[in-house]
Amino acid sequence: LFNRNACSPEFIHALDTVLAGGTARRTSWPEGQFLAPNPTVAGQIA
């Protein structure tokens, strides 16, 4: 659970995108690392 009022707009957009089936990453992460829906467990982010 997240307190959306305490989160950055960029984080909220990224989270909403992943939950809708997209991907998200931080530019500070190594190239090739990203978040996406877990392909085996519905509702989880991997």
PDB file of all heavy atoms in Angstrom:
ATOM      1  N   LEU A   1       0.840  -1.192   0.000  1.00  0.00           N
ATOM      2  CA  LEU A   1       0.000   0.000   0.000  1.00  0.00           C
ATOM      3  C   LEU A   1       0.873   1.240   0.000  1.00  0.00           C
ATOM      4  O   LEU A   1       1.949   1.258   0.588  1.00  0.00           O
ATOM      5  CB  LEU A   1      -0.905   0.007   1.223  1.00  0.00           C
ATOM      6  CG  LEU A   1      -1.841  -1.190   1.360  1.00  0.00           C
ATOM      7  CD1 LEU A   1      -2.621  -1.106   2.659  1.00  0.00           C
ATOM      8  CD2 LEU A   1      -2.786  -1.267   0.172  1.00  0.00           C
ATOM      9  N   PHE A   2       0.410   2.282  -0.661  1.00  0.00           N
ATOM     10  CA  PHE A   2       1.148   3.531  -0.756  1.00  0.00           C
ATOM     11  C   PHE A   2       0.265   4.687  -0.354  1.00  0.00           C
ATOM     12  O   PHE A   2      -0.915   4.712  -0.685  1.00  0.00           O
ATOM     13  CB  PHE A   2       1.618   3.783  -2.200  1.00  0.00           C
ATOM     14  CG  PHE A   2       2.542   2.739  -2.722  1.00  0.00           C
ATOM     15  CD1 PHE A   2       2.067   1.707  -3.507  1.00  0.00           C
ATOM     16  CD2 PHE A   2       3.892   2.786  -2.430  1.00  0.00           C
ATOM     17  CE1 PHE A   2       2.912   0.737  -3.990  1.00  0.00           C
ATOM     18  CE2 PHE A   2       4.747   1.822  -2.905  1.00  0.00           C
ATOM     19  CZ  PHE A   2       4.265   0.791  -3.692  1.00  0.00           C
ATOM     20  N   ASN A   3       0.853   5.643   0.334  1.00  0.00           N
ATOM     21  CA  ASN A   3       0.189   6.914   0.582  1.00  0.00           C
ATOM     22  C   ASN A   3       0.520   7.786  -0.623  1.00  0.00           C
ATOM     23  O   ASN A   3       1.612   8.355  -0.718  1.00  0.00           O
ATOM     24  CB  ASN A   3       0.703   7.542   1.880  1.00  0.00           C
ATOM     25  CG  ASN A   3       0.108   8.909   2.125  1.00  0.00           C
ATOM     26  OD1 ASN A   3      -0.618   9.455   1.292  1.00  0.00           O
ATOM     27  ND2 ASN A   3       0.416   9.481   3.275  1.00  0.00           N
ATOM     28  N   ARG A   4      -0.386   7.857  -1.554  1.00  0.00           N
ATOM     29  CA  ARG A   4      -0.118   8.572  -2.807  1.00  0.00           C
ATOM     30  C   ARG A   4       0.225  10.041  -2.571  1.00  0.00           C
ATOM     31  O   ARG A   4       0.930  10.642  -3.362  1.00  0.00           O
ATOM     32  CB  ARG A   4      -1.296   8.423  -3.759  1.00  0.00           C
ATOM     33  CG  ARG A   4      -1.447   6.988  -4.260  1.00  0.00           C
ATOM     34  CD  ARG A   4      -2.716   6.787  -5.070  1.00  0.00           C
ATOM     35  NE  ARG A   4      -2.621   7.178  -6.447  1.00  0.00           N
ATOM     36  CZ  ARG A   4      -2.256   6.390  -7.453  1.00  0.00           C
ATOM     37  NH1 ARG A   4      -1.918   5.149  -7.209  1.00  0.00           N
ATOM     38  NH2 ARG A   4      -2.228   6.829  -8.684  1.00  0.00           N
ATOM     39  N   ASN A   5      -0.246  10.618  -1.472  1.00  0.00           N
ATOM     40  CA  ASN A   5       0.072  12.010  -1.172  1.00  0.00           C
ATOM     41  C   ASN A   5       1.537  12.198  -0.810  1.00  0.00           C
ATOM     42  O   ASN A   5       2.064  13.302  -0.900  1.00  0.00           O
ATOM     43  CB  ASN A   5      -0.810  12.538  -0.039  1.00  0.00           C
ATOM     44  CG  ASN A   5      -2.254  12.630  -0.448  1.00  0.00           C
ATOM     45  OD1 ASN A   5      -2.565  12.904  -1.604  1.00  0.00           O
ATOM     46  ND2 ASN A   5      -3.151  12.393   0.487  1.00  0.00           N
ATOM     47  N   ALA A   6       2.207  11.128  -0.392  1.00  0.00           N
ATOM     48  CA  ALA A   6       3.619  11.204  -0.007  1.00  0.00           C
ATOM     49  C   ALA A   6       4.544  10.766  -1.137  1.00  0.00           C
ATOM     50  O   ALA A   6       5.759  10.793  -0.986  1.00  0.00           O
ATOM     51  CB  ALA A   6       3.860  10.337   1.228  1.00  0.00           C
ATOM     52  N   CYS A   7       3.982  10.357  -2.269  1.00  0.00           N
ATOM     53  CA  CYS A   7       4.775   9.856  -3.395  1.00  0.00           C
ATOM     54  C   CYS A   7       4.914  10.925  -4.473  1.00  0.00           C
ATOM     55  O   CYS A   7       4.042  11.766  -4.638  1.00  0.00           O
ATOM     56  CB  CYS A   7       4.096   8.632  -4.012  1.00  0.00           C
ATOM     57  SG  CYS A   7       3.920   7.244  -2.882  1.00  0.00           S
ATOM     58  N   SER A   8       6.016  10.839  -5.215  1.00  0.00           N
ATOM     59  CA  SER A   8       6.200  11.773  -6.324  1.00  0.00           C
ATOM     60  C   SER A   8       5.213  11.452  -7.449  1.00  0.00           C
ATOM     61  O   SER A   8       4.807  10.292  -7.615  1.00  0.00           O
ATOM     62  CB  SER A   8       7.627  11.693  -6.865  1.00  0.00           C
ATOM     63  OG  SER A   8       7.829  10.481  -7.562  1.00  0.00           O
ATOM     64  N   PRO A   9       4.832  12.441  -8.230  1.00  0.00           N
ATOM     65  CA  PRO A   9       3.949  12.186  -9.376  1.00  0.00           C
ATOM     66  C   PRO A   9       4.573  11.201 -10.365  1.00  0.00           C
ATOM     67  O   PRO A   9       3.875  10.391 -10.967  1.00  0.00           O
ATOM     68  CB  PRO A   9       3.758  13.562 -10.015  1.00  0.00           C
ATOM     69  CG  PRO A   9       4.109  14.547  -8.970  1.00  0.00           C
ATOM     70  CD  PRO A   9       5.110  13.880  -8.076  1.00  0.00           C
ATOM     71  N   GLU A  10       5.889  11.249 -10.509  1.00  0.00           N
ATOM     72  CA  GLU A  10       6.573  10.332 -11.426  1.00  0.00           C
ATOM     73  C   GLU A  10       6.446   8.880 -10.954  1.00  0.00           C
ATOM     74  O   GLU A  10       6.240   7.977 -11.762  1.00  0.00           O
ATOM     75  CB  GLU A  10       8.060  10.721 -11.550  1.00  0.00           C
ATOM     76  CG  GLU A  10       8.289  12.069 -12.199  1.00  0.00           C
ATOM     77  CD  GLU A  10       8.221  13.258 -11.241  1.00  0.00           C
ATOM     78  OE1 GLU A  10       7.889  13.081 -10.048  1.00  0.00           O
ATOM     79  OE2 GLU A  10       8.495  14.372 -11.691  1.00  0.00           O
ATOM     80  N   PHE A  11       6.553   8.679  -9.638  1.00  0.00           N
ATOM     81  CA  PHE A  11       6.400   7.330  -9.089  1.00  0.00           C
ATOM     82  C   PHE A  11       4.974   6.825  -9.293  1.00  0.00           C
ATOM     83  O   PHE A  11       4.763   5.683  -9.713  1.00  0.00           O
ATOM     84  CB  PHE A  11       6.755   7.308  -7.599  1.00  0.00           C
ATOM     85  CG  PHE A  11       6.470   5.988  -6.938  1.00  0.00           C
ATOM     86  CD1 PHE A  11       7.340   4.919  -7.088  1.00  0.00           C
ATOM     87  CD2 PHE A  11       5.333   5.809  -6.166  1.00  0.00           C
ATOM     88  CE1 PHE A  11       7.080   3.699  -6.488  1.00  0.00           C
ATOM     89  CE2 PHE A  11       5.066   4.593  -5.557  1.00  0.00           C
ATOM     90  CZ  PHE A  11       5.938   3.538  -5.720  1.00  0.00           C
ATOM     91  N   ILE A  12       4.010   7.663  -9.016  1.00  0.00           N
ATOM     92  CA  ILE A  12       2.607   7.262  -9.172  1.00  0.00           C
ATOM     93  C   ILE A  12       2.325   6.890 -10.625  1.00  0.00           C
ATOM     94  O   ILE A  12       1.696   5.866 -10.901  1.00  0.00           O
ATOM     95  CB  ILE A  12       1.666   8.387  -8.682  1.00  0.00           C
ATOM     96  CG1 ILE A  12       1.800   8.544  -7.161  1.00  0.00           C
ATOM     97  CG2 ILE A  12       0.226   8.093  -9.076  1.00  0.00           C
ATOM     98  CD1 ILE A  12       1.133   9.764  -6.604  1.00  0.00           C
ATOM     99  N   HIS A  13       2.824   7.691 -11.559  1.00  0.00           N
ATOM    100  CA  HIS A  13       2.631   7.395 -12.980  1.00  0.00           C
ATOM    101  C   HIS A  13       3.302   6.065 -13.348  1.00  0.00           C
ATOM    102  O   HIS A  13       2.709   5.238 -14.053  1.00  0.00           O
ATOM    103  CB  HIS A  13       3.177   8.534 -13.832  1.00  0.00           C
ATOM    104  CG  HIS A  13       3.090   8.266 -15.297  1.00  0.00           C
ATOM    105  ND1 HIS A  13       1.889   8.199 -15.975  1.00  0.00           N
ATOM    106  CD2 HIS A  13       4.058   8.023 -16.209  1.00  0.00           C
ATOM    107  CE1 HIS A  13       2.131   7.922 -17.254  1.00  0.00           C
ATOM    108  NE2 HIS A  13       3.440   7.810 -17.419  1.00  0.00           N
ATOM    109  N   ALA A  14       4.523   5.851 -12.867  1.00  0.00           N
ATOM    110  CA  ALA A  14       5.236   4.599 -13.150  1.00  0.00           C
ATOM    111  C   ALA A  14       4.483   3.400 -12.585  1.00  0.00           C
ATOM    112  O   ALA A  14       4.294   2.387 -13.265  1.00  0.00           O
ATOM    113  CB  ALA A  14       6.648   4.661 -12.582  1.00  0.00           C
ATOM    114  N   LEU A  15       4.029   3.512 -11.352  1.00  0.00           N
ATOM    115  CA  LEU A  15       3.298   2.414 -10.713  1.00  0.00           C
ATOM    116  C   LEU A  15       1.997   2.127 -11.457  1.00  0.00           C
ATOM    117  O   LEU A  15       1.680   0.965 -11.743  1.00  0.00           O
ATOM    118  CB  LEU A  15       3.024   2.761  -9.254  1.00  0.00           C
ATOM    119  CG  LEU A  15       2.351   1.684  -8.427  1.00  0.00           C
ATOM    120  CD1 LEU A  15       3.246   0.451  -8.312  1.00  0.00           C
ATOM    121  CD2 LEU A  15       2.013   2.221  -7.045  1.00  0.00           C
ATOM    122  N   ASP A  16       1.258   3.158 -11.794  1.00  0.00           N
ATOM    123  CA  ASP A  16       0.007   2.973 -12.532  1.00  0.00           C
ATOM    124  C   ASP A  16       0.267   2.317 -13.891  1.00  0.00           C
ATOM    125  O   ASP A  16      -0.506   1.467 -14.334  1.00  0.00           O
ATOM    126  CB  ASP A  16      -0.721   4.304 -12.722  1.00  0.00           C
ATOM    127  CG  ASP A  16      -1.328   4.845 -11.430  1.00  0.00           C
ATOM    128  OD1 ASP A  16      -1.442   4.084 -10.454  1.00  0.00           O
ATOM    129  OD2 ASP A  16      -1.659   6.048 -11.416  1.00  0.00           O
ATOM    130  N   THR A  17       1.359   2.703 -14.537  1.00  0.00           N
ATOM    131  CA  THR A  17       1.705   2.121 -15.839  1.00  0.00           C
ATOM    132  C   THR A  17       2.015   0.636 -15.710  1.00  0.00           C
ATOM    133  O   THR A  17       1.537  -0.174 -16.509  1.00  0.00           O
ATOM    134  CB  THR A  17       2.903   2.868 -16.459  1.00  0.00           C
ATOM    135  OG1 THR A  17       2.528   4.237 -16.667  1.00  0.00           O
ATOM    136  CG2 THR A  17       3.317   2.253 -17.786  1.00  0.00           C
ATOM    137  N   VAL A  18       2.798   0.267 -14.703  1.00  0.00           N
ATOM    138  CA  VAL A  18       3.123  -1.153 -14.498  1.00  0.00           C
ATOM    139  C   VAL A  18       1.861  -1.944 -14.166  1.00  0.00           C
ATOM    140  O   VAL A  18       1.642  -3.031 -14.705  1.00  0.00           O
ATOM    141  CB  VAL A  18       4.204  -1.324 -13.404  1.00  0.00           C
ATOM    142  CG1 VAL A  18       4.390  -2.799 -13.051  1.00  0.00           C
ATOM    143  CG2 VAL A  18       5.524  -0.725 -13.864  1.00  0.00           C
ATOM    144  N   LEU A  19       1.022  -1.410 -13.314  1.00  0.00           N
ATOM    145  CA  LEU A  19      -0.200  -2.123 -12.949  1.00  0.00           C
ATOM    146  C   LEU A  19      -1.144  -2.279 -14.140  1.00  0.00           C
ATOM    147  O   LEU A  19      -1.983  -3.175 -14.160  1.00  0.00           O
ATOM    148  CB  LEU A  19      -0.899  -1.408 -11.790  1.00  0.00           C
ATOM    149  CG  LEU A  19      -0.133  -1.470 -10.466  1.00  0.00           C
ATOM    150  CD1 LEU A  19      -0.834  -0.612  -9.418  1.00  0.00           C
ATOM    151  CD2 LEU A  19       0.029  -2.905  -9.978  1.00  0.00           C
ATOM    152  N   ALA A  20      -0.977  -1.422 -15.155  1.00  0.00           N
ATOM    153  CA  ALA A  20      -1.783  -1.520 -16.378  1.00  0.00           C
ATOM    154  C   ALA A  20      -1.100  -2.388 -17.442  1.00  0.00           C
ATOM    155  O   ALA A  20      -1.578  -2.469 -18.571  1.00  0.00           O
ATOM    156  CB  ALA A  20      -2.054  -0.128 -16.937  1.00  0.00           C
ATOM    157  N   GLY A  21       0.027  -3.021 -17.079  1.00  0.00           N
ATOM    158  CA  GLY A  21       0.684  -3.937 -18.006  1.00  0.00           C
ATOM    159  C   GLY A  21       1.938  -3.410 -18.669  1.00  0.00           C
ATOM    160  O   GLY A  21       2.566  -4.106 -19.460  1.00  0.00           O
ATOM    161  N   GLY A  22       2.328  -2.183 -18.359  1.00  0.00           N
ATOM    162  CA  GLY A  22       3.530  -1.606 -18.947  1.00  0.00           C
ATOM    163  C   GLY A  22       4.768  -1.900 -18.121  1.00  0.00           C
ATOM    164  O   GLY A  22       4.779  -2.796 -17.278  1.00  0.00           O
ATOM    165  N   THR A  23       5.812  -1.109 -18.349  1.00  0.00           N
ATOM    166  CA  THR A  23       7.054  -1.252 -17.604  1.00  0.00           C
ATOM    167  C   THR A  23       7.473   0.106 -17.068  1.00  0.00           C
ATOM    168  O   THR A  23       7.005   1.149 -17.534  1.00  0.00           O
ATOM    169  CB  THR A  23       8.202  -1.818 -18.472  1.00  0.00           C
ATOM    170  OG1 THR A  23       8.483  -0.892 -19.524  1.00  0.00           O
ATOM    171  CG2 THR A  23       7.837  -3.175 -19.050  1.00  0.00           C
ATOM    172  N   ALA A  24       8.364   0.093 -16.084  1.00  0.00           N
ATOM    173  CA  ALA A  24       8.902   1.331 -15.534  1.00  0.00           C
ATOM    174  C   ALA A  24      10.307   1.069 -15.025  1.00  0.00           C
ATOM    175  O   ALA A  24      10.646  -0.048 -14.638  1.00  0.00           O
ATOM    176  CB  ALA A  24       8.030   1.851 -14.399  1.00  0.00           C
ATOM    177  N   ARG A  25      11.107   2.116 -15.069  1.00  0.00           N
ATOM    178  CA  ARG A  25      12.462   2.014 -14.539  1.00  0.00           C
ATOM    179  C   ARG A  25      12.894   3.389 -14.064  1.00  0.00           C
ATOM    180  O   ARG A  25      12.300   4.404 -14.432  1.00  0.00           O
ATOM    181  CB  ARG A  25      13.430   1.487 -15.592  1.00  0.00           C
ATOM    182  CG  ARG A  25      13.661   2.411 -16.767  1.00  0.00           C
ATOM    183  CD  ARG A  25      14.657   1.860 -17.780  1.00  0.00           C
ATOM    184  NE  ARG A  25      15.909   1.457 -17.199  1.00  0.00           N
ATOM    185  CZ  ARG A  25      16.932   2.265 -16.934  1.00  0.00           C
ATOM    186  NH1 ARG A  25      16.840   3.550 -17.217  1.00  0.00           N
ATOM    187  NH2 ARG A  25      18.039   1.809 -16.399  1.00  0.00           N
ATOM    188  N   ARG A  26      13.925   3.385 -13.237  1.00  0.00           N
ATOM    189  CA  ARG A  26      14.539   4.636 -12.823  1.00  0.00           C
ATOM    190  C   ARG A  26      15.772   4.858 -13.677  1.00  0.00           C
ATOM    191  O   ARG A  26      16.483   3.913 -14.001  1.00  0.00           O
ATOM    192  CB  ARG A  26      14.925   4.585 -11.349  1.00  0.00           C
ATOM    193  CG  ARG A  26      13.708   4.560 -10.441  1.00  0.00           C
ATOM    194  CD  ARG A  26      14.096   4.633  -9.011  1.00  0.00           C
ATOM    195  NE  ARG A  26      14.768   5.912  -8.725  1.00  0.00           N
ATOM    196  CZ  ARG A  26      15.337   6.189  -7.551  1.00  0.00           C
ATOM    197  NH1 ARG A  26      15.309   5.318  -6.566  1.00  0.00           N
ATOM    198  NH2 ARG A  26      15.928   7.353  -7.379  1.00  0.00           N
ATOM    199  N   THR A  27      16.017   6.090 -14.048  1.00  0.00           N
ATOM    200  CA  THR A  27      17.193   6.364 -14.871  1.00  0.00           C
ATOM    201  C   THR A  27      18.479   6.095 -14.100  1.00  0.00           C
ATOM    202  O   THR A  27      19.521   5.871 -14.706  1.00  0.00           O
ATOM    203  CB  THR A  27      17.190   7.815 -15.386  1.00  0.00           C
ATOM    204  OG1 THR A  27      17.146   8.713 -14.269  1.00  0.00           O
ATOM    205  CG2 THR A  27      15.983   8.059 -16.287  1.00  0.00           C
ATOM    206  N   SER A  28      18.410   6.046 -12.785  1.00  0.00           N
ATOM    207  CA  SER A  28      19.585   5.765 -11.963  1.00  0.00           C
ATOM    208  C   SER A  28      19.886   4.265 -11.865  1.00  0.00           C
ATOM    209  O   SER A  28      20.928   3.879 -11.344  1.00  0.00           O
ATOM    210  CB  SER A  28      19.410   6.353 -10.559  1.00  0.00           C
ATOM    211  OG  SER A  28      18.252   5.817  -9.947  1.00  0.00           O
ATOM    212  N   TRP A  29      18.985   3.425 -12.339  1.00  0.00           N
ATOM    213  CA  TRP A  29      19.206   1.976 -12.312  1.00  0.00           C
ATOM    214  C   TRP A  29      20.112   1.564 -13.468  1.00  0.00           C
ATOM    215  O   TRP A  29      20.169   2.255 -14.493  1.00  0.00           O
ATOM    216  CB  TRP A  29      17.891   1.232 -12.430  1.00  0.00           C
ATOM    217  CG  TRP A  29      17.040   1.266 -11.203  1.00  0.00           C
ATOM    218  CD1 TRP A  29      17.347   1.806  -9.987  1.00  0.00           C
ATOM    219  CD2 TRP A  29      15.731   0.733 -11.077  1.00  0.00           C
ATOM    220  NE1 TRP A  29      16.306   1.639  -9.119  1.00  0.00           N
ATOM    221  CE2 TRP A  29      15.292   0.981  -9.764  1.00  0.00           C
ATOM    222  CE3 TRP A  29      14.871   0.084 -11.947  1.00  0.00           C
ATOM    223  CZ2 TRP A  29      14.053   0.583  -9.294  1.00  0.00           C
ATOM    224  CZ3 TRP A  29      13.632  -0.310 -11.482  1.00  0.00           C
ATOM    225  CH2 TRP A  29      13.231  -0.068 -10.170  1.00  0.00           C
ATOM    226  N   PRO A  30      20.760   0.410 -13.337  1.00  0.00           N
ATOM    227  CA  PRO A  30      21.577  -0.088 -14.453  1.00  0.00           C
ATOM    228  C   PRO A  30      20.716  -0.312 -15.699  1.00  0.00           C
ATOM    229  O   PRO A  30      19.536  -0.660 -15.595  1.00  0.00           O
ATOM    230  CB  PRO A  30      22.117  -1.422 -13.943  1.00  0.00           C
ATOM    231  CG  PRO A  30      21.974  -1.374 -12.459  1.00  0.00           C
ATOM    232  CD  PRO A  30      20.810  -0.473 -12.174  1.00  0.00           C
ATOM    233  N   GLU A  31      21.303  -0.092 -16.854  1.00  0.00           N
ATOM    234  CA  GLU A  31      20.597  -0.330 -18.120  1.00  0.00           C
ATOM    235  C   GLU A  31      20.092  -1.774 -18.150  1.00  0.00           C
ATOM    236  O   GLU A  31      20.792  -2.688 -17.743  1.00  0.00           O
ATOM    237  CB  GLU A  31      21.545  -0.071 -19.296  1.00  0.00           C
ATOM    238  CG  GLU A  31      20.837  -0.004 -20.627  1.00  0.00           C
ATOM    239  CD  GLU A  31      19.859   1.158 -20.720  1.00  0.00           C
ATOM    240  OE1 GLU A  31      20.148   2.244 -20.202  1.00  0.00           O
ATOM    241  OE2 GLU A  31      18.784   0.960 -21.316  1.00  0.00           O
ATOM    242  N   GLY A  32      18.872  -1.970 -18.594  1.00  0.00           N
ATOM    243  CA  GLY A  32      18.292  -3.309 -18.678  1.00  0.00           C
ATOM    244  C   GLY A  32      17.530  -3.751 -17.446  1.00  0.00           C
ATOM    245  O   GLY A  32      16.943  -4.823 -17.432  1.00  0.00           O
ATOM    246  N   GLN A  33      17.500  -2.924 -16.406  1.00  0.00           N
ATOM    247  CA  GLN A  33      16.734  -3.257 -15.199  1.00  0.00           C
ATOM    248  C   GLN A  33      15.437  -2.473 -15.218  1.00  0.00           C
ATOM    249  O   GLN A  33      15.433  -1.264 -15.449  1.00  0.00           O
ATOM    250  CB  GLN A  33      17.527  -2.915 -13.946  1.00  0.00           C
ATOM    251  CG  GLN A  33      16.776  -3.225 -12.659  1.00  0.00           C
ATOM    252  CD  GLN A  33      17.627  -2.981 -11.425  1.00  0.00           C
ATOM    253  OE1 GLN A  33      18.829  -3.174 -11.438  1.00  0.00           O
ATOM    254  NE2 GLN A  33      16.998  -2.548 -10.357  1.00  0.00           N
ATOM    255  N   PHE A  34      14.315  -3.163 -14.991  1.00  0.00           N
ATOM    256  CA  PHE A  34      13.013  -2.497 -15.024  1.00  0.00           C
ATOM    257  C   PHE A  34      12.000  -3.289 -14.216  1.00  0.00           C
ATOM    258  O   PHE A  34      12.233  -4.440 -13.846  1.00  0.00           O
ATOM    259  CB  PHE A  34      12.528  -2.321 -16.467  1.00  0.00           C
ATOM    260  CG  PHE A  34      12.345  -3.607 -17.225  1.00  0.00           C
ATOM    261  CD1 PHE A  34      11.109  -4.232 -17.277  1.00  0.00           C
ATOM    262  CD2 PHE A  34      13.410  -4.195 -17.888  1.00  0.00           C
ATOM    263  CE1 PHE A  34      10.937  -5.419 -17.983  1.00  0.00           C
ATOM    264  CE2 PHE A  34      13.253  -5.369 -18.598  1.00  0.00           C
ATOM    265  CZ  PHE A  34      12.011  -5.984 -18.637  1.00  0.00           C
ATOM    266  N   LEU A  35      10.876  -2.662 -13.955  1.00  0.00           N
ATOM    267  CA  LEU A  35       9.742  -3.297 -13.283  1.00  0.00           C
ATOM    268  C   LEU A  35       8.682  -3.628 -14.318  1.00  0.00           C
ATOM    269  O   LEU A  35       8.475  -2.873 -15.268  1.00  0.00           O
ATOM    270  CB  LEU A  35       9.125  -2.358 -12.249  1.00  0.00           C
ATOM    271  CG  LEU A  35      10.029  -1.850 -11.137  1.00  0.00           C
ATOM    272  CD1 LEU A  35       9.249  -0.898 -10.243  1.00  0.00           C
ATOM    273  CD2 LEU A  35      10.604  -3.000 -10.339  1.00  0.00           C
ATOM    274  N   ALA A  36       8.009  -4.748 -14.105  1.00  0.00           N
ATOM    275  CA  ALA A  36       6.906  -5.157 -14.973  1.00  0.00           C
ATOM    276  C   ALA A  36       6.002  -6.072 -14.164  1.00  0.00           C
ATOM    277  O   ALA A  36       6.395  -6.580 -13.106  1.00  0.00           O
ATOM    278  CB  ALA A  36       7.440  -5.880 -16.215  1.00  0.00           C
ATOM    279  N   PRO A  37       4.791  -6.305 -14.653  1.00  0.00           N
ATOM    280  CA  PRO A  37       3.918  -7.236 -13.946  1.00  0.00           C
ATOM    281  C   PRO A  37       4.577  -8.617 -13.847  1.00  0.00           C
ATOM    282  O   PRO A  37       5.237  -9.072 -14.783  1.00  0.00           O
ATOM    283  CB  PRO A  37       2.666  -7.297 -14.830  1.00  0.00           C
ATOM    284  CG  PRO A  37       2.683  -6.012 -15.589  1.00  0.00           C
ATOM    285  CD  PRO A  37       4.132  -5.707 -15.817  1.00  0.00           C
ATOM    286  N   ASN A  38       4.401  -9.267 -12.698  1.00  0.00           N
ATOM    287  CA  ASN A  38       4.908 -10.625 -12.509  1.00  0.00           C
ATOM    288  C   ASN A  38       4.133 -11.542 -13.454  1.00  0.00           C
ATOM    289  O   ASN A  38       2.903 -11.574 -13.414  1.00  0.00           O
ATOM    290  CB  ASN A  38       4.713 -11.060 -11.058  1.00  0.00           C
ATOM    291  CG  ASN A  38       5.316 -12.397 -10.757  1.00  0.00           C
ATOM    292  OD1 ASN A  38       5.214 -13.335 -11.543  1.00  0.00           O
ATOM    293  ND2 ASN A  38       5.939 -12.507  -9.602  1.00  0.00           N
ATOM    294  N   PRO A  39       4.833 -12.284 -14.317  1.00  0.00           N
ATOM    295  CA  PRO A  39       4.129 -13.121 -15.294  1.00  0.00           C
ATOM    296  C   PRO A  39       3.443 -14.350 -14.699  1.00  0.00           C
ATOM    297  O   PRO A  39       2.613 -14.961 -15.353  1.00  0.00           O
ATOM    298  CB  PRO A  39       5.234 -13.534 -16.270  1.00  0.00           C
ATOM    299  CG  PRO A  39       6.486 -13.462 -15.478  1.00  0.00           C
ATOM    300  CD  PRO A  39       6.277 -12.351 -14.483  1.00  0.00           C
ATOM    301  N   THR A  40       3.759 -14.683 -13.461  1.00  0.00           N
ATOM    302  CA  THR A  40       3.183 -15.892 -12.863  1.00  0.00           C
ATOM    303  C   THR A  40       2.249 -15.619 -11.692  1.00  0.00           C
ATOM    304  O   THR A  40       1.495 -16.503 -11.302  1.00  0.00           O
ATOM    305  CB  THR A  40       4.286 -16.861 -12.400  1.00  0.00           C
ATOM    306  OG1 THR A  40       5.119 -16.190 -11.453  1.00  0.00           O
ATOM    307  CG2 THR A  40       5.122 -17.327 -13.577  1.00  0.00           C
ATOM    308  N   VAL A  41       2.303 -14.409 -11.122  1.00  0.00           N
ATOM    309  CA  VAL A  41       1.455 -14.085  -9.972  1.00  0.00           C
ATOM    310  C   VAL A  41       0.723 -12.776 -10.261  1.00  0.00           C
ATOM    311  O   VAL A  41       1.330 -11.704 -10.255  1.00  0.00           O
ATOM    312  CB  VAL A  41       2.282 -13.961  -8.673  1.00  0.00           C
ATOM    313  CG1 VAL A  41       1.361 -13.656  -7.496  1.00  0.00           C
ATOM    314  CG2 VAL A  41       3.094 -15.221  -8.415  1.00  0.00           C
ATOM    315  N   ALA A  42      -0.554 -12.877 -10.533  1.00  0.00           N
ATOM    316  CA  ALA A  42      -1.357 -11.697 -10.867  1.00  0.00           C
ATOM    317  C   ALA A  42      -1.318 -10.674  -9.736  1.00  0.00           C
ATOM    318  O   ALA A  42      -1.394 -11.025  -8.562  1.00  0.00           O
ATOM    319  CB  ALA A  42      -2.798 -12.111 -11.140  1.00  0.00           C
ATOM    320  N   GLY A  43      -1.168  -9.418 -10.114  1.00  0.00           N
ATOM    321  CA  GLY A  43      -1.200  -8.334  -9.146  1.00  0.00           C
ATOM    322  C   GLY A  43       0.132  -8.015  -8.498  1.00  0.00           C
ATOM    323  O   GLY A  43       0.220  -7.056  -7.747  1.00  0.00           O
ATOM    324  N   GLN A  44       1.160  -8.797  -8.765  1.00  0.00           N
ATOM    325  CA  GLN A  44       2.479  -8.522  -8.202  1.00  0.00           C
ATOM    326  C   GLN A  44       3.373  -7.869  -9.249  1.00  0.00           C
ATOM    327  O   GLN A  44       3.240  -8.128 -10.443  1.00  0.00           O
ATOM    328  CB  GLN A  44       3.152  -9.792  -7.691  1.00  0.00           C
ATOM    329  CG  GLN A  44       2.619 -10.269  -6.370  1.00  0.00           C
ATOM    330  CD  GLN A  44       3.485 -11.364  -5.766  1.00  0.00           C
ATOM    331  OE1 GLN A  44       4.443 -11.836  -6.358  1.00  0.00           O
ATOM    332  NE2 GLN A  44       3.127 -11.772  -4.578  1.00  0.00           N
ATOM    333  N   ILE A  45       4.287  -7.051  -8.765  1.00  0.00           N
ATOM    334  CA  ILE A  45       5.263  -6.399  -9.624  1.00  0.00           C
ATOM    335  C   ILE A  45       6.597  -7.095  -9.424  1.00  0.00           C
ATOM    336  O   ILE A  45       7.013  -7.345  -8.291  1.00  0.00           O
ATOM    337  CB  ILE A  45       5.373  -4.901  -9.284  1.00  0.00           C
ATOM    338  CG1 ILE A  45       4.028  -4.210  -9.556  1.00  0.00           C
ATOM    339  CG2 ILE A  45       6.486  -4.246 -10.083  1.00  0.00           C
ATOM    340  CD1 ILE A  45       3.983  -2.768  -9.111  1.00  0.00           C
ATOM    341  N   ALA A  46       7.266  -7.401 -10.529  1.00  0.00           N
ATOM    342  CA  ALA A  46       8.543  -8.105 -10.486  1.00  0.00           C
ATOM    343  C   ALA A  46       9.661  -7.233 -11.032  1.00  0.00           C
ATOM    344  O   ALA A  46       9.429  -6.288 -11.784  1.00  0.00           O
ATOM    345  CB  ALA A  46       8.452  -9.399 -11.302  1.00  0.00           C
TER     346      ALA A  46
END
